Protein backbone atom coordinates (compact mmCIF):
# COMPACT_ATOMS: atom_id res chain seq x y z
CA MET A 1 -164.58 156.57 25.85
CA ARG A 2 -166.20 153.30 26.51
CA GLU A 3 -164.19 150.18 26.97
CA ASN A 4 -164.80 147.37 24.60
CA PRO A 5 -163.73 143.65 24.41
CA ILE A 6 -160.93 144.21 21.79
CA ASN A 7 -159.77 147.69 22.75
CA ARG A 8 -160.51 149.04 19.23
CA TYR A 9 -162.07 152.45 18.75
CA ALA A 10 -161.19 153.22 15.10
CA PHE A 11 -160.10 151.64 11.88
CA GLY A 12 -157.41 152.83 9.42
CA ASP A 13 -155.34 151.47 6.66
CA ARG A 14 -152.76 150.27 9.28
CA THR A 15 -155.23 148.27 11.41
CA PRO A 16 -153.63 144.86 11.53
CA THR A 17 -156.69 142.67 11.02
CA LEU A 18 -158.20 144.90 8.19
CA ARG A 19 -159.68 142.80 5.34
CA ARG A 20 -160.54 144.23 1.95
CA GLY A 21 -163.25 142.87 -0.50
CA ALA A 22 -162.13 141.44 -3.84
CA ASP A 23 -162.83 144.88 -5.36
CA GLY A 24 -160.72 146.67 -2.69
CA SER A 25 -163.65 147.95 -0.62
CA ILE A 26 -163.76 147.81 3.17
CA ASP A 27 -166.87 146.71 5.10
CA ILE A 28 -166.80 147.76 8.76
CA HIS A 29 -169.07 146.07 11.08
CA LEU A 30 -170.30 148.31 13.85
CA ARG A 31 -172.14 146.23 16.40
CA LYS A 32 -172.26 145.19 20.12
CA ASP A 33 -171.46 141.52 19.65
CA LYS A 34 -168.55 140.01 17.74
CA PRO A 35 -169.59 138.75 14.28
CA GLU A 36 -168.92 135.18 13.12
CA GLY A 37 -165.97 134.02 11.04
CA ASP A 38 -164.09 136.44 8.73
CA LEU A 39 -166.47 139.37 9.57
CA ALA A 40 -164.84 139.70 12.90
CA ALA A 41 -161.62 141.03 11.30
CA ASN A 42 -163.44 144.30 10.42
CA TRP A 43 -165.51 144.54 13.64
CA LEU A 44 -165.72 147.74 15.48
CA PRO A 45 -167.54 147.27 18.78
CA ALA A 46 -170.39 149.63 19.46
CA GLY A 47 -172.43 149.73 22.60
CA ASP A 48 -176.06 148.90 23.06
CA GLU A 49 -176.72 151.97 25.27
CA GLY A 50 -178.29 154.16 22.46
CA ARG A 51 -176.73 156.44 20.04
CA PHE A 52 -173.17 156.49 18.82
CA TRP A 53 -171.30 158.71 16.38
CA MET A 54 -169.48 157.71 13.20
CA ILE A 55 -166.77 160.11 11.89
CA MET A 56 -164.82 159.85 8.73
CA ARG A 57 -161.43 161.69 8.60
CA ILE A 58 -160.11 162.43 5.09
CA TYR A 59 -156.29 163.14 5.09
CA VAL A 60 -155.01 165.16 2.12
CA PRO A 61 -158.47 165.46 0.61
CA GLY A 62 -159.04 165.64 -3.09
CA GLU A 63 -160.97 168.42 -5.00
CA LYS A 64 -164.39 166.65 -4.70
CA ALA A 65 -163.95 166.53 -0.81
CA LEU A 66 -163.18 170.16 -0.53
CA THR A 67 -165.88 171.28 -2.79
CA GLY A 68 -168.80 169.05 -1.57
CA GLY A 69 -168.68 166.66 -4.52
CA TYR A 70 -167.55 163.65 -2.54
CA VAL A 71 -170.23 161.36 -1.41
CA PRO A 72 -169.25 159.04 1.62
CA PRO A 73 -170.01 155.43 1.24
CA PRO A 74 -173.50 154.43 2.43
CA VAL A 75 -174.13 153.09 5.87
CA GLU A 76 -176.44 150.07 5.84
CA ARG A 77 -178.26 148.81 8.79
CA VAL A 78 -178.56 145.11 9.08
CA ASP A 79 -180.85 143.48 11.55
């Protein structure tokens, strides 16, 4: 596992800095450099050395997750 400046390798509902949107959504910012302002609260450092993996764990999954009907939230690349 690579080291990162804030020693954070995952996000969960108990992450102390976690900030939710007004609608309850969570935007996680995967990037090398720390974002400005409030975006830094949901920053997950990612290296600049090529590929990285994103993994979503679902604890106590509902029926849709078990039968393939659940669609994970989209990942949006922002340059």
